[in-house]
Amino acid sequence: MRVNIPKPVLFSVALLLAAHAAGLWQMILLSRTLGVPLWMPYSTLAVVYSLLMVLLVMMLRGKRWARAVYSVLGVLSLLSAIGHVVDLGAAGWLVAMAKVVALVLLYVPASNSWFAGSSPNSSFKPNPLRGSA
């Protein structure tokens, strides 16, 4: 069975993958300066990025709840970035803009129809009772 995922959804997920890969790289570099055993930040990063991957895969499968959860987390992440706007370098601005574009792409009409297609009620079509007019 071939699935035709809309291009805005694919581009959004690709942008999010790139943005989070850049964030992961920054966190790996930062983890060496924390003064804690390396297994602590690495295990935390493994859990967080595993959950992130689950959300992205579920978005590719058209799950509305994954889009909603990621949207809330994305907005919180952007608010945090705004709080640290002085500390952001060029890479930080680039990642923030990629997340904004990705979040907007998740709500264009083609994306909305993709996520609406996975609603639990979309496959339920009641049959009329026999003998009813």
Protein backbone atom coordinates (compact mmCIF):
# COMPACT_ATOMS: atom_id res chain seq x y z
CA MET A 1 0.00 0.00 0.00
CA ARG A 2 1.47 3.31 -1.07
CA VAL A 3 0.92 6.29 1.20
CA ASN A 4 0.95 9.78 -0.30
CA ILE A 5 2.15 11.99 2.49
CA PRO A 6 1.66 15.67 1.57
CA LYS A 7 4.83 17.56 0.73
CA PRO A 8 4.32 20.19 3.46
CA VAL A 9 4.25 17.42 6.07
CA LEU A 10 7.36 15.77 4.62
CA PHE A 11 9.21 19.08 4.45
CA SER A 12 8.14 19.96 7.98
CA VAL A 13 9.38 16.65 9.38
CA ALA A 14 12.64 17.02 7.43
CA LEU A 15 13.15 20.51 8.87
CA LEU A 16 12.41 19.26 12.36
CA LEU A 17 14.85 16.37 11.94
CA ALA A 18 17.57 18.78 10.80
CA ALA A 19 16.83 21.25 13.61
CA HIS A 20 16.85 18.56 16.28
CA ALA A 21 19.98 16.94 14.86
CA ALA A 22 21.72 20.30 15.21
CA GLY A 23 20.38 20.58 18.75
CA LEU A 24 21.57 17.08 19.57
CA TRP A 25 25.05 17.91 18.30
CA GLN A 26 25.14 21.05 20.47
CA MET A 27 23.98 19.09 23.50
CA ILE A 28 26.63 16.41 22.95
CA LEU A 29 29.32 19.09 22.79
CA LEU A 30 27.90 20.80 25.88
CA SER A 31 27.64 17.56 27.87
CA ARG A 32 31.43 17.33 28.19
CA THR A 33 31.47 20.58 30.19
CA LEU A 34 28.77 19.71 32.73
CA GLY A 35 30.99 18.06 35.31
CA VAL A 36 28.79 14.97 35.65
CA PRO A 37 29.41 11.42 34.44
CA LEU A 38 28.80 11.23 30.70
CA TRP A 39 26.19 8.47 31.02
CA MET A 40 23.81 10.94 32.71
CA PRO A 41 23.38 13.47 29.88
CA TYR A 42 23.68 10.77 27.20
CA SER A 43 20.95 8.62 28.72
CA THR A 44 18.71 11.67 29.07
CA LEU A 45 19.36 12.64 25.46
CA ALA A 46 18.60 9.10 24.33
CA VAL A 47 15.22 9.12 26.08
CA VAL A 48 14.25 12.61 24.89
CA TYR A 49 15.28 12.03 21.29
CA SER A 50 13.59 8.62 21.22
CA LEU A 51 10.33 10.25 22.25
CA LEU A 52 10.89 12.96 19.66
CA MET A 53 11.37 10.34 16.94
CA VAL A 54 8.12 8.65 17.99
CA LEU A 55 6.30 11.98 17.61
CA LEU A 56 7.79 12.60 14.17
CA VAL A 57 6.93 9.09 12.95
CA MET A 58 3.40 9.45 14.25
CA MET A 59 3.08 12.76 12.40
CA LEU A 60 4.15 11.00 9.21
CA ARG A 61 1.40 8.47 9.90
CA GLY A 62 -1.14 11.31 10.16
CA LYS A 63 -1.84 11.23 13.90
CA ARG A 64 -3.44 14.48 15.08
CA TRP A 65 -2.37 13.95 18.68
CA ALA A 66 1.30 13.86 17.63
CA ARG A 67 0.93 17.15 15.77
CA ALA A 68 -0.79 18.71 18.79
CA VAL A 69 1.82 17.45 21.26
CA TYR A 70 4.69 18.58 19.07
CA SER A 71 3.04 21.97 18.52
CA VAL A 72 2.82 22.58 22.26
CA LEU A 73 6.41 21.46 22.78
CA GLY A 74 7.58 23.51 19.80
CA VAL A 75 5.90 26.68 21.06
CA LEU A 76 7.41 26.17 24.52
CA SER A 77 10.81 25.66 22.89
CA LEU A 78 10.44 28.87 20.89
CA LEU A 79 9.37 30.79 23.99
CA SER A 80 12.46 29.52 25.73
CA ALA A 81 14.59 30.65 22.79
CA ILE A 82 13.01 34.10 23.00
CA GLY A 83 13.97 34.20 26.68
CA HIS A 84 17.59 33.57 25.70
CA VAL A 85 17.65 35.74 22.57
CA VAL A 86 20.87 37.44 23.70
CA ASP A 87 22.71 34.10 23.84
CA LEU A 88 21.57 32.88 20.40
CA GLY A 89 24.20 32.73 17.70
CA ALA A 90 23.65 32.34 13.99
CA ALA A 91 23.07 28.60 14.35
CA GLY A 92 20.52 29.18 17.11
CA TRP A 93 18.59 31.63 14.95
CA LEU A 94 18.68 29.23 12.03
CA VAL A 95 17.33 26.37 14.16
CA ALA A 96 14.60 28.61 15.63
CA MET A 97 13.51 29.77 12.16
CA ALA A 98 13.48 26.18 10.89
CA LYS A 99 11.19 25.21 13.78
CA VAL A 100 8.86 28.15 13.07
CA VAL A 101 8.62 27.23 9.39
CA ALA A 102 8.09 23.56 10.27
CA LEU A 103 5.32 24.38 12.73
CA VAL A 104 3.57 26.61 10.20
CA LEU A 105 3.81 23.88 7.55
CA LEU A 106 2.04 21.47 9.90
CA TYR A 107 -1.07 23.68 9.69
CA VAL A 108 -1.37 24.52 5.98
CA PRO A 109 -4.51 23.12 4.26
CA ALA A 110 -2.73 20.09 2.76
CA SER A 111 -1.38 19.16 6.18
CA ASN A 112 -4.75 19.71 7.82
CA SER A 113 -6.39 17.29 5.41
CA TRP A 114 -3.63 14.74 6.11
CA PHE A 115 -4.17 14.91 9.84
CA ALA A 116 -7.96 15.00 9.48
CA GLY A 117 -7.82 11.74 7.51
CA SER A 118 -6.63 9.84 10.57
CA SER A 119 -9.50 10.86 12.79
CA PRO A 120 -11.20 7.96 14.55
CA ASN A 121 -14.55 8.87 13.00
CA SER A 122 -13.34 9.11 9.40
CA SER A 123 -13.72 5.38 8.73
CA PHE A 124 -17.09 5.01 10.47
CA LYS A 125 -19.93 5.30 8.02
CA PRO A 126 -23.17 3.93 9.41
CA ASN A 127 -25.26 1.78 7.14
CA PRO A 128 -28.96 2.61 6.97
CA LEU A 129 -31.26 0.12 8.58
CA ARG A 130 -33.01 -2.26 6.24
CA GLY A 131 -36.56 -1.30 5.53
CA SER A 132 -36.07 2.32 6.59
CA ALA A 133 -36.98 5.04 4.18
